[in-house]
PDB file of all heavy atoms in Angstrom:
ATOM      1  N   PHE A   1       0.827  -1.210   0.000  1.00  0.00           N
ATOM      2  CA  PHE A   1       0.000   0.000   0.000  1.00  0.00           C
ATOM      3  C   PHE A   1       0.864   1.264   0.000  1.00  0.00           C
ATOM      4  O   PHE A   1       0.588   2.222  -0.719  1.00  0.00           O
ATOM      5  CB  PHE A   1      -0.948  -0.001   1.207  1.00  0.00           C
ATOM      6  CG  PHE A   1      -2.028  -1.028   1.109  1.00  0.00           C
ATOM      7  CD1 PHE A   1      -1.969  -2.183   1.880  1.00  0.00           C
ATOM      8  CD2 PHE A   1      -3.104  -0.860   0.247  1.00  0.00           C
ATOM      9  CE1 PHE A   1      -2.964  -3.141   1.794  1.00  0.00           C
ATOM     10  CE2 PHE A   1      -4.109  -1.813   0.155  1.00  0.00           C
ATOM     11  CZ  PHE A   1      -4.042  -2.958   0.923  1.00  0.00           C
ATOM     12  N   THR A   2       1.911   1.247   0.799  1.00  0.00           N
ATOM     13  CA  THR A   2       2.797   2.409   0.894  1.00  0.00           C
ATOM     14  C   THR A   2       3.500   2.683  -0.431  1.00  0.00           C
ATOM     15  O   THR A   2       3.576   3.837  -0.875  1.00  0.00           O
ATOM     16  CB  THR A   2       3.836   2.198   2.016  1.00  0.00           C
ATOM     17  OG1 THR A   2       3.161   1.903   3.229  1.00  0.00           O
ATOM     18  CG2 THR A   2       4.705   3.420   2.201  1.00  0.00           C
ATOM     19  N   CYS A   3       4.012   1.629  -1.063  1.00  0.00           N
ATOM     20  CA  CYS A   3       4.716   1.805  -2.341  1.00  0.00           C
ATOM     21  C   CYS A   3       3.767   2.266  -3.443  1.00  0.00           C
ATOM     22  O   CYS A   3       4.165   3.038  -4.322  1.00  0.00           O
ATOM     23  CB  CYS A   3       5.410   0.510  -2.748  1.00  0.00           C
ATOM     24  SG  CYS A   3       6.836   0.105  -1.730  1.00  0.00           S
ATOM     25  N   LEU A   4       2.530   1.791  -3.413  1.00  0.00           N
ATOM     26  CA  LEU A   4       1.556   2.279  -4.396  1.00  0.00           C
ATOM     27  C   LEU A   4       1.282   3.759  -4.193  1.00  0.00           C
ATOM     28  O   LEU A   4       1.160   4.518  -5.158  1.00  0.00           O
ATOM     29  CB  LEU A   4       0.247   1.490  -4.300  1.00  0.00           C
ATOM     30  CG  LEU A   4       0.233   0.122  -4.963  1.00  0.00           C
ATOM     31  CD1 LEU A   4      -1.112  -0.559  -4.743  1.00  0.00           C
ATOM     32  CD2 LEU A   4       0.537   0.214  -6.439  1.00  0.00           C
ATOM     33  N   ALA A   5       1.206   4.174  -2.950  1.00  0.00           N
ATOM     34  CA  ALA A   5       0.899   5.579  -2.651  1.00  0.00           C
ATOM     35  C   ALA A   5       2.101   6.489  -2.881  1.00  0.00           C
ATOM     36  O   ALA A   5       1.972   7.563  -3.470  1.00  0.00           O
ATOM     37  CB  ALA A   5       0.407   5.714  -1.214  1.00  0.00           C
ATOM     38  N   LEU A   6       3.287   6.072  -2.417  1.00  0.00           N
ATOM     39  CA  LEU A   6       4.459   6.948  -2.429  1.00  0.00           C
ATOM     40  C   LEU A   6       5.439   6.693  -3.578  1.00  0.00           C
ATOM     41  O   LEU A   6       6.269   7.543  -3.878  1.00  0.00           O
ATOM     42  CB  LEU A   6       5.232   6.823  -1.109  1.00  0.00           C
ATOM     43  CG  LEU A   6       4.481   7.115   0.186  1.00  0.00           C
ATOM     44  CD1 LEU A   6       5.372   6.847   1.382  1.00  0.00           C
ATOM     45  CD2 LEU A   6       3.967   8.549   0.183  1.00  0.00           C
ATOM     46  N   GLY A   7       5.386   5.483  -4.146  1.00  0.00           N
ATOM     47  CA  GLY A   7       6.365   5.127  -5.170  1.00  0.00           C
ATOM     48  C   GLY A   7       7.731   4.791  -4.598  1.00  0.00           C
ATOM     49  O   GLY A   7       8.720   4.739  -5.314  1.00  0.00           O
ATOM     50  N   ARG A   8       7.786   4.549  -3.311  1.00  0.00           N
ATOM     51  CA  ARG A   8       9.046   4.161  -2.659  1.00  0.00           C
ATOM     52  C   ARG A   8       8.729   3.392  -1.388  1.00  0.00           C
ATOM     53  O   ARG A   8       7.639   3.494  -0.829  1.00  0.00           O
ATOM     54  CB  ARG A   8       9.917   5.373  -2.348  1.00  0.00           C
ATOM     55  CG  ARG A   8       9.318   6.325  -1.355  1.00  0.00           C
ATOM     56  CD  ARG A   8      10.229   7.516  -1.047  1.00  0.00           C
ATOM     57  NE  ARG A   8       9.532   8.509  -0.281  1.00  0.00           N
ATOM     58  CZ  ARG A   8       9.249   8.418   1.024  1.00  0.00           C
ATOM     59  NH1 ARG A   8       9.638   7.363   1.700  1.00  0.00           N
ATOM     60  NH2 ARG A   8       8.599   9.370   1.645  1.00  0.00           N
ATOM     61  N   MET A   9       9.698   2.633  -0.942  1.00  0.00           N
ATOM     62  CA  MET A   9       9.579   1.884   0.309  1.00  0.00           C
ATOM     63  C   MET A   9      10.216   2.724   1.410  1.00  0.00           C
ATOM     64  O   MET A   9      11.364   3.146   1.277  1.00  0.00           O
ATOM     65  CB  MET A   9      10.285   0.534   0.194  1.00  0.00           C
ATOM     66  CG  MET A   9      10.274  -0.284   1.459  1.00  0.00           C
ATOM     67  SD  MET A   9       8.640  -0.799   1.991  1.00  0.00           S
ATOM     68  CE  MET A   9       8.609  -2.472   1.393  1.00  0.00           C
ATOM     69  N   PRO A  10       9.489   2.984   2.508  1.00  0.00           N
ATOM     70  CA  PRO A  10      10.097   3.732   3.612  1.00  0.00           C
ATOM     71  C   PRO A  10      11.346   3.019   4.143  1.00  0.00           C
ATOM     72  O   PRO A  10      11.394   1.786   4.211  1.00  0.00           O
ATOM     73  CB  PRO A  10       8.988   3.758   4.665  1.00  0.00           C
ATOM     74  CG  PRO A  10       7.724   3.572   3.892  1.00  0.00           C
ATOM     75  CD  PRO A  10       8.087   2.672   2.747  1.00  0.00           C
ATOM     76  N   GLU A  11      12.331   3.788   4.510  1.00  0.00           N
ATOM     77  CA  GLU A  11      13.618   3.236   4.930  1.00  0.00           C
ATOM     78  C   GLU A  11      13.488   2.297   6.129  1.00  0.00           C
ATOM     79  O   GLU A  11      14.098   1.231   6.169  1.00  0.00           O
ATOM     80  CB  GLU A  11      14.598   4.362   5.254  1.00  0.00           C
ATOM     81  CG  GLU A  11      15.988   3.869   5.540  1.00  0.00           C
ATOM     82  CD  GLU A  11      16.988   4.993   5.723  1.00  0.00           C
ATOM     83  OE1 GLU A  11      16.589   6.168   5.787  1.00  0.00           O
ATOM     84  OE2 GLU A  11      18.187   4.665   5.821  1.00  0.00           O
ATOM     85  N   GLY A  12      12.714   2.679   7.127  1.00  0.00           N
ATOM     86  CA  GLY A  12      12.555   1.833   8.314  1.00  0.00           C
ATOM     87  C   GLY A  12      11.928   0.492   7.984  1.00  0.00           C
ATOM     88  O   GLY A  12      12.366  -0.550   8.487  1.00  0.00           O
ATOM     89  N   MET A  13      10.914   0.492   7.131  1.00  0.00           N
ATOM     90  CA  MET A  13      10.277  -0.768   6.731  1.00  0.00           C
ATOM     91  C   MET A  13      11.248  -1.631   5.934  1.00  0.00           C
ATOM     92  O   MET A  13      11.336  -2.838   6.149  1.00  0.00           O
ATOM     93  CB  MET A  13       9.017  -0.486   5.893  1.00  0.00           C
ATOM     94  CG  MET A  13       7.868   0.077   6.697  1.00  0.00           C
ATOM     95  SD  MET A  13       6.456   0.526   5.674  1.00  0.00           S
ATOM     96  CE  MET A  13       5.839  -1.079   5.214  1.00  0.00           C
ATOM     97  N   ARG A  14      11.996  -0.996   5.031  1.00  0.00           N
ATOM     98  CA  ARG A  14      12.964  -1.750   4.240  1.00  0.00           C
ATOM     99  C   ARG A  14      14.053  -2.338   5.135  1.00  0.00           C
ATOM    100  O   ARG A  14      14.437  -3.492   4.997  1.00  0.00           O
ATOM    101  CB  ARG A  14      13.583  -0.833   3.174  1.00  0.00           C
ATOM    102  CG  ARG A  14      14.319  -1.526   2.028  1.00  0.00           C
ATOM    103  CD  ARG A  14      15.803  -1.727   2.167  1.00  0.00           C
ATOM    104  NE  ARG A  14      16.550  -0.711   2.826  1.00  0.00           N
ATOM    105  CZ  ARG A  14      17.264   0.232   2.215  1.00  0.00           C
ATOM    106  NH1 ARG A  14      17.271   0.332   0.922  1.00  0.00           N
ATOM    107  NH2 ARG A  14      17.960   1.086   2.943  1.00  0.00           N
ATOM    108  N   ASN A  15      14.534  -1.556   6.085  1.00  0.00           N
ATOM    109  CA  ASN A  15      15.595  -2.035   6.969  1.00  0.00           C
ATOM    110  C   ASN A  15      15.126  -3.175   7.862  1.00  0.00           C
ATOM    111  O   ASN A  15      15.849  -4.147   8.062  1.00  0.00           O
ATOM    112  CB  ASN A  15      16.147  -0.888   7.808  1.00  0.00           C
ATOM    113  CG  ASN A  15      16.922   0.109   6.976  1.00  0.00           C
ATOM    114  OD1 ASN A  15      17.253  -0.145   5.824  1.00  0.00           O
ATOM    115  ND2 ASN A  15      17.192   1.267   7.544  1.00  0.00           N
ATOM    116  N   LEU A  16      13.914  -3.063   8.413  1.00  0.00           N
ATOM    117  CA  LEU A  16      13.378  -4.158   9.219  1.00  0.00           C
ATOM    118  C   LEU A  16      13.167  -5.398   8.353  1.00  0.00           C
ATOM    119  O   LEU A  16      13.481  -6.512   8.765  1.00  0.00           O
ATOM    120  CB  LEU A  16      12.068  -3.749   9.900  1.00  0.00           C
ATOM    121  CG  LEU A  16      11.405  -4.821  10.765  1.00  0.00           C
ATOM    122  CD1 LEU A  16      12.343  -5.313  11.865  1.00  0.00           C
ATOM    123  CD2 LEU A  16      10.101  -4.285  11.360  1.00  0.00           C
ATOM    124  N   GLY A  17      12.674  -5.204   7.142  1.00  0.00           N
ATOM    125  CA  GLY A  17      12.477  -6.328   6.224  1.00  0.00           C
ATOM    126  C   GLY A  17      13.782  -7.011   5.868  1.00  0.00           C
ATOM    127  O   GLY A  17      13.861  -8.240   5.846  1.00  0.00           O
ATOM    128  N   THR A  18      14.823  -6.235   5.607  1.00  0.00           N
ATOM    129  CA  THR A  18      16.108  -6.852   5.267  1.00  0.00           C
ATOM    130  C   THR A  18      16.737  -7.536   6.485  1.00  0.00           C
ATOM    131  O   THR A  18      17.436  -8.534   6.334  1.00  0.00           O
ATOM    132  CB  THR A  18      17.090  -5.827   4.656  1.00  0.00           C
ATOM    133  OG1 THR A  18      17.265  -4.726   5.548  1.00  0.00           O
ATOM    134  CG2 THR A  18      16.598  -5.352   3.301  1.00  0.00           C
ATOM    135  N   TYR A  19      16.460  -7.031   7.684  1.00  0.00           N
ATOM    136  CA  TYR A  19      16.916  -7.708   8.902  1.00  0.00           C
ATOM    137  C   TYR A  19      16.291  -9.107   8.980  1.00  0.00           C
ATOM    138  O   TYR A  19      16.982 -10.103   9.238  1.00  0.00           O
ATOM    139  CB  TYR A  19      16.551  -6.883  10.136  1.00  0.00           C
ATOM    140  CG  TYR A  19      16.922  -7.528  11.446  1.00  0.00           C
ATOM    141  CD1 TYR A  19      18.202  -7.377  11.960  1.00  0.00           C
ATOM    142  CD2 TYR A  19      16.008  -8.288  12.165  1.00  0.00           C
ATOM    143  CE1 TYR A  19      18.570  -7.974  13.162  1.00  0.00           C
ATOM    144  CE2 TYR A  19      16.364  -8.883  13.358  1.00  0.00           C
ATOM    145  CZ  TYR A  19      17.636  -8.732  13.861  1.00  0.00           C
ATOM    146  OH  TYR A  19      17.982  -9.331  15.041  1.00  0.00           O
ATOM    147  N   CYS A  20      14.984  -9.173   8.752  1.00  0.00           N
ATOM    148  CA  CYS A  20      14.278 -10.462   8.768  1.00  0.00           C
ATOM    149  C   CYS A  20      14.820 -11.377   7.681  1.00  0.00           C
ATOM    150  O   CYS A  20      15.034 -12.576   7.909  1.00  0.00           O
ATOM    151  CB  CYS A  20      12.780 -10.243   8.571  1.00  0.00           C
ATOM    152  SG  CYS A  20      11.968  -9.286   9.861  1.00  0.00           S
ATOM    153  N   LEU A  21      15.048 -10.814   6.510  1.00  0.00           N
ATOM    154  CA  LEU A  21      15.541 -11.589   5.375  1.00  0.00           C
ATOM    155  C   LEU A  21      16.954 -12.114   5.629  1.00  0.00           C
ATOM    156  O   LEU A  21      17.285 -13.244   5.279  1.00  0.00           O
ATOM    157  CB  LEU A  21      15.503 -10.718   4.124  1.00  0.00           C
ATOM    158  CG  LEU A  21      15.707 -11.402   2.792  1.00  0.00           C
ATOM    159  CD1 LEU A  21      14.666 -12.490   2.560  1.00  0.00           C
ATOM    160  CD2 LEU A  21      15.644 -10.380   1.677  1.00  0.00           C
ATOM    161  N   ARG A  22      17.791 -11.303   6.245  1.00  0.00           N
ATOM    162  CA  ARG A  22      19.160 -11.730   6.556  1.00  0.00           C
ATOM    163  C   ARG A  22      19.155 -12.920   7.510  1.00  0.00           C
ATOM    164  O   ARG A  22      19.866 -13.898   7.313  1.00  0.00           O
ATOM    165  CB  ARG A  22      19.962 -10.576   7.169  1.00  0.00           C
ATOM    166  CG  ARG A  22      21.403 -10.982   7.534  1.00  0.00           C
ATOM    167  CD  ARG A  22      22.088  -9.932   8.383  1.00  0.00           C
ATOM    168  NE  ARG A  22      21.360  -9.563   9.572  1.00  0.00           N
ATOM    169  CZ  ARG A  22      21.326 -10.282  10.711  1.00  0.00           C
ATOM    170  NH1 ARG A  22      21.957 -11.429  10.791  1.00  0.00           N
ATOM    171  NH2 ARG A  22      20.645  -9.853  11.746  1.00  0.00           N
ATOM    172  N   TYR A  23      18.313 -12.838   8.536  1.00  0.00           N
ATOM    173  CA  TYR A  23      18.249 -13.946   9.483  1.00  0.00           C
ATOM    174  C   TYR A  23      17.762 -15.216   8.784  1.00  0.00           C
ATOM    175  O   TYR A  23      18.273 -16.309   9.031  1.00  0.00           O
ATOM    176  CB  TYR A  23      17.337 -13.601  10.666  1.00  0.00           C
ATOM    177  CG  TYR A  23      17.443 -14.614  11.771  1.00  0.00           C
ATOM    178  CD1 TYR A  23      18.409 -14.488  12.755  1.00  0.00           C
ATOM    179  CD2 TYR A  23      16.609 -15.732  11.811  1.00  0.00           C
ATOM    180  CE1 TYR A  23      18.542 -15.437  13.762  1.00  0.00           C
ATOM    181  CE2 TYR A  23      16.729 -16.680  12.807  1.00  0.00           C
ATOM    182  CZ  TYR A  23      17.691 -16.538  13.778  1.00  0.00           C
ATOM    183  OH  TYR A  23      17.821 -17.485  14.757  1.00  0.00           O
ATOM    184  N   GLU A  24      16.790 -15.065   7.910  1.00  0.00           N
ATOM    185  CA  GLU A  24      16.290 -16.229   7.166  1.00  0.00           C
ATOM    186  C   GLU A  24      17.391 -16.824   6.284  1.00  0.00           C
ATOM    187  O   GLU A  24      17.558 -18.043   6.224  1.00  0.00           O
ATOM    188  CB  GLU A  24      15.096 -15.823   6.318  1.00  0.00           C
ATOM    189  CG  GLU A  24      14.491 -16.979   5.561  1.00  0.00           C
ATOM    190  CD  GLU A  24      13.275 -16.555   4.771  1.00  0.00           C
ATOM    191  OE1 GLU A  24      12.211 -16.360   5.379  1.00  0.00           O
ATOM    192  OE2 GLU A  24      13.395 -16.430   3.528  1.00  0.00           O
ATOM    193  N   ALA A  25      18.151 -15.980   5.591  1.00  0.00           N
ATOM    194  CA  ALA A  25      19.241 -16.461   4.740  1.00  0.00           C
ATOM    195  C   ALA A  25      20.303 -17.183   5.577  1.00  0.00           C
ATOM    196  O   ALA A  25      20.819 -18.232   5.179  1.00  0.00           O
ATOM    197  CB  ALA A  25      19.867 -15.302   3.970  1.00  0.00           C
ATOM    198  N   GLN A  26      20.610 -16.646   6.752  1.00  0.00           N
ATOM    199  CA  GLN A  26      21.584 -17.304   7.626  1.00  0.00           C
ATOM    200  C   GLN A  26      21.047 -18.642   8.134  1.00  0.00           C
ATOM    201  O   GLN A  26      21.805 -19.602   8.286  1.00  0.00           O
ATOM    202  CB  GLN A  26      21.954 -16.391   8.789  1.00  0.00           C
ATOM    203  CG  GLN A  26      22.807 -15.222   8.383  1.00  0.00           C
ATOM    204  CD  GLN A  26      23.156 -14.315   9.550  1.00  0.00           C
ATOM    205  OE1 GLN A  26      22.679 -14.475  10.670  1.00  0.00           O
ATOM    206  NE2 GLN A  26      24.000 -13.329   9.277  1.00  0.00           N
ATOM    207  N   THR A  27      19.754 -18.707   8.369  1.00  0.00           N
ATOM    208  CA  THR A  27      19.153 -19.967   8.829  1.00  0.00           C
ATOM    209  C   THR A  27      19.210 -21.017   7.726  1.00  0.00           C
ATOM    210  O   THR A  27      19.552 -22.179   7.982  1.00  0.00           O
ATOM    211  CB  THR A  27      17.701 -19.734   9.300  1.00  0.00           C
ATOM    212  OG1 THR A  27      17.712 -18.741  10.332  1.00  0.00           O
ATOM    213  CG2 THR A  27      17.079 -21.005   9.837  1.00  0.00           C
ATOM    214  N   TYR A  28      18.884 -20.620   6.498  1.00  0.00           N
ATOM    215  CA  TYR A  28      19.030 -21.553   5.372  1.00  0.00           C
ATOM    216  C   TYR A  28      20.485 -21.971   5.222  1.00  0.00           C
ATOM    217  O   TYR A  28      20.780 -23.143   4.995  1.00  0.00           O
ATOM    218  CB  TYR A  28      18.536 -20.917   4.075  1.00  0.00           C
ATOM    219  CG  TYR A  28      17.063 -21.099   3.839  1.00  0.00           C
ATOM    220  CD1 TYR A  28      16.170 -20.055   4.033  1.00  0.00           C
ATOM    221  CD2 TYR A  28      16.559 -22.328   3.414  1.00  0.00           C
ATOM    222  CE1 TYR A  28      14.812 -20.220   3.814  1.00  0.00           C
ATOM    223  CE2 TYR A  28      15.205 -22.501   3.199  1.00  0.00           C
ATOM    224  CZ  TYR A  28      14.335 -21.451   3.393  1.00  0.00           C
ATOM    225  OH  TYR A  28      12.997 -21.620   3.185  1.00  0.00           O
ATOM    226  N   GLY A  29      21.390 -21.018   5.319  1.00  0.00           N
ATOM    227  CA  GLY A  29      22.808 -21.332   5.189  1.00  0.00           C
ATOM    228  C   GLY A  29      23.290 -22.302   6.252  1.00  0.00           C
ATOM    229  O   GLY A  29      24.068 -23.214   5.971  1.00  0.00           O
ATOM    230  N   TYR A  30      22.820 -22.125   7.467  1.00  0.00           N
ATOM    231  CA  TYR A  30      23.178 -23.039   8.551  1.00  0.00           C
ATOM    232  C   TYR A  30      22.592 -24.424   8.300  1.00  0.00           C
ATOM    233  O   TYR A  30      23.277 -25.436   8.435  1.00  0.00           O
ATOM    234  CB  TYR A  30      22.692 -22.479   9.893  1.00  0.00           C
ATOM    235  CG  TYR A  30      23.018 -23.365  11.069  1.00  0.00           C
ATOM    236  CD1 TYR A  30      24.314 -23.434  11.568  1.00  0.00           C
ATOM    237  CD2 TYR A  30      22.037 -24.143  11.676  1.00  0.00           C
ATOM    238  CE1 TYR A  30      24.621 -24.252  12.645  1.00  0.00           C
ATOM    239  CE2 TYR A  30      22.339 -24.961  12.751  1.00  0.00           C
ATOM    240  CZ  TYR A  30      23.634 -25.017  13.233  1.00  0.00           C
ATOM    241  OH  TYR A  30      23.929 -25.839  14.288  1.00  0.00           O
ATOM    242  N   THR A  31      21.335 -24.465   7.923  1.00  0.00           N
ATOM    243  CA  THR A  31      20.663 -25.745   7.683  1.00  0.00           C
ATOM    244  C   THR A  31      21.288 -26.491   6.511  1.00  0.00           C
ATOM    245  O   THR A  31      21.460 -27.709   6.562  1.00  0.00           O
ATOM    246  CB  THR A  31      19.158 -25.515   7.423  1.00  0.00           C
ATOM    247  OG1 THR A  31      18.608 -24.790   8.525  1.00  0.00           O
ATOM    248  CG2 THR A  31      18.420 -26.822   7.266  1.00  0.00           C
ATOM    249  N   PHE A  32      21.627 -25.769   5.447  1.00  0.00           N
ATOM    250  CA  PHE A  32      22.195 -26.380   4.236  1.00  0.00           C
ATOM    251  C   PHE A  32      23.715 -26.520   4.298  1.00  0.00           C
ATOM    252  O   PHE A  32      24.358 -26.735   3.283  1.00  0.00           O
ATOM    253  CB  PHE A  32      21.801 -25.585   3.004  1.00  0.00           C
ATOM    254  CG  PHE A  32      20.387 -25.785   2.563  1.00  0.00           C
ATOM    255  CD1 PHE A  32      19.759 -24.829   1.789  1.00  0.00           C
ATOM    256  CD2 PHE A  32      19.666 -26.913   2.893  1.00  0.00           C
ATOM    257  CE1 PHE A  32      18.455 -24.993   1.354  1.00  0.00           C
ATOM    258  CE2 PHE A  32      18.360 -27.097   2.476  1.00  0.00           C
ATOM    259  CZ  PHE A  32      17.751 -26.138   1.696  1.00  0.00           C
TER     260      PHE A  32
END
């Protein structure tokens, strides 16, 4: 909704999202 309205991703949302994504990538890396 935010990107449709603003045409950009707010920095805080992007940073929190990449934090979650990094942990997931590390978990896959550990498992694999």
